[in-house]
Amino acid sequence: MHVRNRPRAAFTLTEVLIVIGVIVALMAMGMPGYWYMVERNRRTSTQTLILAVQAEIGTYGSQVFAWRTSDGQPRTAVLWDVNADDLVDGYVTTDANALGDHYPSSSPLTAAVLAADYQGFVATTGMRLRPEQINEDGHVLDAWGRPLHIAFAPHQFPKTGFRVWSLGPDGQDDSGDEVDHSDSAP
């Protein structure tokens, strides 16, 4: 009697386990490199966004709103951060009553902001952003989903008079992983 060798219809359990083990080992070796590339891409895209924001601010310039409080104290606010929260401005309402949370509707700043028709960074500049780069308040977001920060100090930033930066991956200021591009500002 002649026994015929039939082709195998499936893999053995041992063969399947070996293939899965090889795949897992390759993934384990590749994952750190993958996450490094993701993080590097986030930093690069945030630097590019910061450069674009700086260029827009450089194009429009920085207007300073100055006034005196009712007790005679001088106060100032700078275009792009009128509420002095150190974030690039989101939406700024044109309704004097709604501005009352930060500024009384009768304040000189409110009058100056309304007269300038300033509506926040994105609305004023018309900068085009992807939906994930702007939050519901109109703040420009970095690659980690956090608003960009801004500071005005001409003596500290002589090229532009200001600095735009991201808090970086950890979301903490002065931790050493912040992302900015102040050295290459326009």
C-alpha atoms as a PDB file:
ATOM      1  CA  MET A   1       0.000   0.000   0.000  1.00  0.00           C
ATOM      2  CA  HIS A   2       1.300   3.338  -0.967  1.00  0.00           C
ATOM      3  CA  VAL A   3       0.949   6.244   1.528  1.00  0.00           C
ATOM      4  CA  ARG A   4       0.493   9.577  -0.076  1.00  0.00           C
ATOM      5  CA  ASN A   5       2.033  12.691   1.440  1.00  0.00           C
ATOM      6  CA  ARG A   6      -0.665  15.278   1.667  1.00  0.00           C
ATOM      7  CA  PRO A   7       0.310  18.921   1.874  1.00  0.00           C
ATOM      8  CA  ARG A   8      -0.151  20.357   5.338  1.00  0.00           C
ATOM      9  CA  ALA A   9      -3.268  22.470   5.742  1.00  0.00           C
ATOM     10  CA  ALA A  10      -2.027  24.590   8.664  1.00  0.00           C
ATOM     11  CA  PHE A  11       0.964  25.653  10.712  1.00  0.00           C
ATOM     12  CA  THR A  12       1.854  23.883  13.892  1.00  0.00           C
ATOM     13  CA  LEU A  13       1.442  25.656  17.211  1.00  0.00           C
ATOM     14  CA  THR A  14       5.215  25.799  17.611  1.00  0.00           C
ATOM     15  CA  GLU A  15       5.656  27.573  14.272  1.00  0.00           C
ATOM     16  CA  VAL A  16       2.965  30.132  15.116  1.00  0.00           C
ATOM     17  CA  LEU A  17       4.526  30.856  18.524  1.00  0.00           C
ATOM     18  CA  ILE A  18       7.970  31.311  16.982  1.00  0.00           C
ATOM     19  CA  VAL A  19       6.616  33.809  14.428  1.00  0.00           C
ATOM     20  CA  ILE A  20       4.747  35.734  17.149  1.00  0.00           C
ATOM     21  CA  GLY A  21       7.919  35.790  19.279  1.00  0.00           C
ATOM     22  CA  VAL A  22       9.962  37.191  16.378  1.00  0.00           C
ATOM     23  CA  ILE A  23       7.326  39.881  15.702  1.00  0.00           C
ATOM     24  CA  VAL A  24       7.218  40.894  19.381  1.00  0.00           C
ATOM     25  CA  ALA A  25      11.020  41.066  19.531  1.00  0.00           C
ATOM     26  CA  LEU A  26      11.174  43.256  16.425  1.00  0.00           C
ATOM     27  CA  MET A  27       8.467  45.547  17.811  1.00  0.00           C
ATOM     28  CA  ALA A  28      10.288  45.820  21.141  1.00  0.00           C
ATOM     29  CA  MET A  29      13.441  46.887  19.328  1.00  0.00           C
ATOM     30  CA  GLY A  30      11.583  49.355  17.093  1.00  0.00           C
ATOM     31  CA  MET A  31       9.237  51.054  19.567  1.00  0.00           C
ATOM     32  CA  PRO A  32      11.805  53.336  21.242  1.00  0.00           C
ATOM     33  CA  GLY A  33      12.873  54.550  17.823  1.00  0.00           C
ATOM     34  CA  TYR A  34       9.259  55.081  16.813  1.00  0.00           C
ATOM     35  CA  TRP A  35       8.478  57.164  19.914  1.00  0.00           C
ATOM     36  CA  TYR A  36      11.678  59.141  19.420  1.00  0.00           C
ATOM     37  CA  MET A  37      10.560  59.966  15.872  1.00  0.00           C
ATOM     38  CA  VAL A  38       7.072  60.960  17.072  1.00  0.00           C
ATOM     39  CA  GLU A  39       8.537  63.275  19.717  1.00  0.00           C
ATOM     40  CA  ARG A  40      11.019  64.780  17.263  1.00  0.00           C
ATOM     41  CA  ASN A  41       8.176  65.404  14.815  1.00  0.00           C
ATOM     42  CA  ARG A  42       6.154  67.168  17.544  1.00  0.00           C
ATOM     43  CA  ARG A  43       9.111  69.408  18.404  1.00  0.00           C
ATOM     44  CA  THR A  44       9.756  70.247  14.743  1.00  0.00           C
ATOM     45  CA  SER A  45       6.107  70.996  13.986  1.00  0.00           C
ATOM     46  CA  THR A  46       5.874  73.177  17.113  1.00  0.00           C
ATOM     47  CA  GLN A  47       9.024  75.097  16.098  1.00  0.00           C
ATOM     48  CA  THR A  48       7.546  75.645  12.641  1.00  0.00           C
ATOM     49  CA  LEU A  49       4.274  76.869  14.168  1.00  0.00           C
ATOM     50  CA  ILE A  50       6.172  79.228  16.493  1.00  0.00           C
ATOM     51  CA  LEU A  51       8.086  80.676  13.535  1.00  0.00           C
ATOM     52  CA  ALA A  52       4.814  81.258  11.687  1.00  0.00           C
ATOM     53  CA  VAL A  53       3.246  82.954  14.722  1.00  0.00           C
ATOM     54  CA  GLN A  54       6.340  85.133  15.177  1.00  0.00           C
ATOM     55  CA  ALA A  55       6.253  86.089  11.502  1.00  0.00           C
ATOM     56  CA  GLU A  56       2.577  87.087  11.767  1.00  0.00           C
ATOM     57  CA  ILE A  57       3.260  89.172  14.872  1.00  0.00           C
ATOM     58  CA  GLY A  58       6.273  90.731  13.152  1.00  0.00           C
ATOM     59  CA  THR A  59       4.086  91.628  10.177  1.00  0.00           C
ATOM     60  CA  TYR A  60       1.401  93.263  12.296  1.00  0.00           C
ATOM     61  CA  GLY A  61       3.705  94.697  14.955  1.00  0.00           C
ATOM     62  CA  SER A  62       2.963  95.073  18.632  1.00  0.00           C
ATOM     63  CA  GLN A  63       0.637  97.821  19.699  1.00  0.00           C
ATOM     64  CA  VAL A  64       0.726  98.853  23.332  1.00  0.00           C
ATOM     65  CA  PHE A  65      -2.486 100.005  24.969  1.00  0.00           C
ATOM     66  CA  ALA A  66      -1.716 102.394  27.846  1.00  0.00           C
ATOM     67  CA  TRP A  67      -4.077 103.997  30.343  1.00  0.00           C
ATOM     68  CA  ARG A  68      -4.341 105.113  33.949  1.00  0.00           C
ATOM     69  CA  THR A  69      -6.534 103.433  36.499  1.00  0.00           C
ATOM     70  CA  SER A  70      -9.090 105.423  38.486  1.00  0.00           C
ATOM     71  CA  ASP A  71      -6.471 105.952  41.209  1.00  0.00           C
ATOM     72  CA  GLY A  72      -3.924 107.249  38.668  1.00  0.00           C
ATOM     73  CA  GLN A  73      -1.747 104.133  38.371  1.00  0.00           C
ATOM     74  CA  PRO A  74      -0.280 103.543  34.888  1.00  0.00           C
ATOM     75  CA  ARG A  75      -1.294 100.294  33.189  1.00  0.00           C
ATOM     76  CA  THR A  76      -0.407  98.779  29.842  1.00  0.00           C
ATOM     77  CA  ALA A  77      -1.534  95.846  27.747  1.00  0.00           C
ATOM     78  CA  VAL A  78       0.166  94.557  24.633  1.00  0.00           C
ATOM     79  CA  LEU A  79      -1.552  93.469  21.471  1.00  0.00           C
ATOM     80  CA  TRP A  80      -1.382  89.663  21.217  1.00  0.00           C
ATOM     81  CA  ASP A  81      -1.658  89.315  25.023  1.00  0.00           C
ATOM     82  CA  VAL A  82      -4.141  91.977  26.076  1.00  0.00           C
ATOM     83  CA  ASN A  83      -5.302  90.088  29.155  1.00  0.00           C
ATOM     84  CA  ALA A  84      -1.690  89.550  30.344  1.00  0.00           C
ATOM     85  CA  ASP A  85      -2.073  85.792  30.852  1.00  0.00           C
ATOM     86  CA  ASP A  86       1.225  85.107  28.999  1.00  0.00           C
ATOM     87  CA  LEU A  87      -0.634  83.152  26.300  1.00  0.00           C
ATOM     88  CA  VAL A  88      -0.952  84.205  22.674  1.00  0.00           C
ATOM     89  CA  ASP A  89      -4.448  85.706  22.682  1.00  0.00           C
ATOM     90  CA  GLY A  90      -7.397  83.548  21.816  1.00  0.00           C
ATOM     91  CA  TYR A  91     -10.714  85.069  20.847  1.00  0.00           C
ATOM     92  CA  VAL A  92     -11.260  88.548  22.208  1.00  0.00           C
ATOM     93  CA  THR A  93     -14.844  89.594  22.195  1.00  0.00           C
ATOM     94  CA  THR A  94     -15.970  92.837  20.594  1.00  0.00           C
ATOM     95  CA  ASP A  95     -18.802  93.114  23.116  1.00  0.00           C
ATOM     96  CA  ALA A  96     -17.835  95.663  25.774  1.00  0.00           C
ATOM     97  CA  ASN A  97     -20.087  94.013  28.367  1.00  0.00           C
ATOM     98  CA  ALA A  98     -18.489  90.597  27.832  1.00  0.00           C
ATOM     99  CA  LEU A  99     -15.008  92.084  28.318  1.00  0.00           C
ATOM    100  CA  GLY A 100     -16.055  92.925  31.864  1.00  0.00           C
ATOM    101  CA  ASP A 101     -14.620  89.676  33.244  1.00  0.00           C
ATOM    102  CA  HIS A 102     -11.105  90.996  32.600  1.00  0.00           C
ATOM    103  CA  TYR A 103     -11.707  94.696  32.104  1.00  0.00           C
ATOM    104  CA  PRO A 104     -14.592  96.897  33.130  1.00  0.00           C
ATOM    105  CA  SER A 105     -16.628  97.979  30.117  1.00  0.00           C
ATOM    106  CA  SER A 106     -15.806 101.599  30.945  1.00  0.00           C
ATOM    107  CA  SER A 107     -12.031 101.096  31.130  1.00  0.00           C
ATOM    108  CA  PRO A 108      -9.724 102.820  28.638  1.00  0.00           C
ATOM    109  CA  LEU A 109      -8.272  99.421  27.673  1.00  0.00           C
ATOM    110  CA  THR A 110     -11.687  98.074  26.732  1.00  0.00           C
ATOM    111  CA  ALA A 111     -12.328 101.188  24.675  1.00  0.00           C
ATOM    112  CA  ALA A 112      -8.919 100.886  22.949  1.00  0.00           C
ATOM    113  CA  VAL A 113      -9.354  97.176  22.202  1.00  0.00           C
ATOM    114  CA  LEU A 114     -12.828  97.764  20.799  1.00  0.00           C
ATOM    115  CA  ALA A 115     -11.668 100.778  18.751  1.00  0.00           C
ATOM    116  CA  ALA A 116      -8.830  98.734  17.259  1.00  0.00           C
ATOM    117  CA  ASP A 117     -11.317  95.971  16.345  1.00  0.00           C
ATOM    118  CA  TYR A 118      -8.884  93.505  17.872  1.00  0.00           C
ATOM    119  CA  GLN A 119     -10.452  90.045  18.058  1.00  0.00           C
ATOM    120  CA  GLY A 120      -7.518  87.897  19.107  1.00  0.00           C
ATOM    121  CA  PHE A 121      -4.454  86.585  17.320  1.00  0.00           C
ATOM    122  CA  VAL A 122      -5.998  84.175  14.807  1.00  0.00           C
ATOM    123  CA  ALA A 123      -8.991  86.364  13.944  1.00  0.00           C
ATOM    124  CA  THR A 124      -6.842  89.469  13.516  1.00  0.00           C
ATOM    125  CA  THR A 125      -4.042  87.904  11.476  1.00  0.00           C
ATOM    126  CA  GLY A 126      -6.179  85.453   9.528  1.00  0.00           C
ATOM    127  CA  MET A 127      -3.530  82.781  10.106  1.00  0.00           C
ATOM    128  CA  ARG A 128      -4.665  79.421   8.732  1.00  0.00           C
ATOM    129  CA  LEU A 129      -4.458  76.602  11.231  1.00  0.00           C
ATOM    130  CA  ARG A 130      -5.541  72.979  11.243  1.00  0.00           C
ATOM    131  CA  PRO A 131      -8.441  72.261  13.644  1.00  0.00           C
ATOM    132  CA  GLU A 132      -6.134  70.517  16.126  1.00  0.00           C
ATOM    133  CA  GLN A 133      -3.937  73.645  16.300  1.00  0.00           C
ATOM    134  CA  ILE A 134      -6.628  75.854  17.834  1.00  0.00           C
ATOM    135  CA  ASN A 135      -8.833  75.291  20.855  1.00  0.00           C
ATOM    136  CA  GLU A 136     -12.399  76.406  21.585  1.00  0.00           C
ATOM    137  CA  ASP A 137     -11.089  79.660  23.114  1.00  0.00           C
ATOM    138  CA  GLY A 138      -9.116  80.487  19.959  1.00  0.00           C
ATOM    139  CA  HIS A 139      -5.675  79.867  21.466  1.00  0.00           C
ATOM    140  CA  VAL A 140      -2.992  78.526  19.124  1.00  0.00           C
ATOM    141  CA  LEU A 141      -1.964  75.050  20.345  1.00  0.00           C
ATOM    142  CA  ASP A 142       1.394  73.292  20.196  1.00  0.00           C
ATOM    143  CA  ALA A 143       1.778  69.652  19.152  1.00  0.00           C
ATOM    144  CA  TRP A 144       0.976  68.537  22.719  1.00  0.00           C
ATOM    145  CA  GLY A 145      -2.336  70.420  22.701  1.00  0.00           C
ATOM    146  CA  ARG A 146      -1.242  73.295  24.971  1.00  0.00           C
ATOM    147  CA  PRO A 147      -1.550  77.035  24.197  1.00  0.00           C
ATOM    148  CA  LEU A 148       1.557  78.881  23.017  1.00  0.00           C
ATOM    149  CA  HIS A 149       3.056  81.356  25.471  1.00  0.00           C
ATOM    150  CA  ILE A 150       4.250  84.879  24.717  1.00  0.00           C
ATOM    151  CA  ALA A 151       6.406  87.393  26.567  1.00  0.00           C
ATOM    152  CA  PHE A 152       7.368  90.938  25.651  1.00  0.00           C
ATOM    153  CA  ALA A 153      10.795  92.160  26.734  1.00  0.00           C
ATOM    154  CA  PRO A 154      12.736  94.209  24.172  1.00  0.00           C
ATOM    155  CA  HIS A 155      15.875  94.209  26.319  1.00  0.00           C
ATOM    156  CA  GLN A 156      15.769  90.413  26.608  1.00  0.00           C
ATOM    157  CA  PHE A 157      14.752  89.656  23.009  1.00  0.00           C
ATOM    158  CA  PRO A 158      16.461  92.380  20.971  1.00  0.00           C
ATOM    159  CA  LYS A 159      15.654  90.927  17.533  1.00  0.00           C
ATOM    160  CA  THR A 160      11.889  90.967  17.951  1.00  0.00           C
ATOM    161  CA  GLY A 161      11.104  92.403  21.373  1.00  0.00           C
ATOM    162  CA  PHE A 162       9.110  89.286  22.219  1.00  0.00           C
ATOM    163  CA  ARG A 163       9.364  85.527  22.609  1.00  0.00           C
ATOM    164  CA  VAL A 164       6.830  82.858  21.665  1.00  0.00           C
ATOM    165  CA  TRP A 165       7.322  79.396  23.149  1.00  0.00           C
ATOM    166  CA  SER A 166       5.737  76.072  24.014  1.00  0.00           C
ATOM    167  CA  LEU A 167       6.040  74.406  27.393  1.00  0.00           C
ATOM    168  CA  GLY A 168       7.139  71.236  25.603  1.00  0.00           C
ATOM    169  CA  PRO A 169       6.266  67.621  26.325  1.00  0.00           C
ATOM    170  CA  ASP A 170       6.058  67.890  30.108  1.00  0.00           C
ATOM    171  CA  GLY A 171       3.913  71.041  30.148  1.00  0.00           C
ATOM    172  CA  GLN A 172       6.181  72.709  32.716  1.00  0.00           C
ATOM    173  CA  ASP A 173       7.944  76.026  32.277  1.00  0.00           C
ATOM    174  CA  ASP A 174      11.680  76.231  33.003  1.00  0.00           C
ATOM    175  CA  SER A 175      12.113  72.446  32.922  1.00  0.00           C
ATOM    176  CA  GLY A 176      14.571  72.527  30.022  1.00  0.00           C
ATOM    177  CA  ASP A 177      12.366  70.926  27.382  1.00  0.00           C
ATOM    178  CA  GLU A 178      10.544  74.056  26.230  1.00  0.00           C
ATOM    179  CA  VAL A 179      10.320  74.636  22.497  1.00  0.00           C
ATOM    180  CA  ASP A 180      10.961  78.063  21.043  1.00  0.00           C
ATOM    181  CA  HIS A 181      12.659  79.681  18.142  1.00  0.00           C
ATOM    182  CA  SER A 182      13.622  83.055  19.551  1.00  0.00           C
ATOM    183  CA  ASP A 183      17.118  82.891  18.082  1.00  0.00           C
ATOM    184  CA  SER A 184      15.777  82.619  14.554  1.00  0.00           C
ATOM    185  CA  ALA A 185      12.929  85.080  14.882  1.00  0.00           C
ATOM    186  CA  PRO A 186      12.212  87.318  11.881  1.00  0.00           C
END
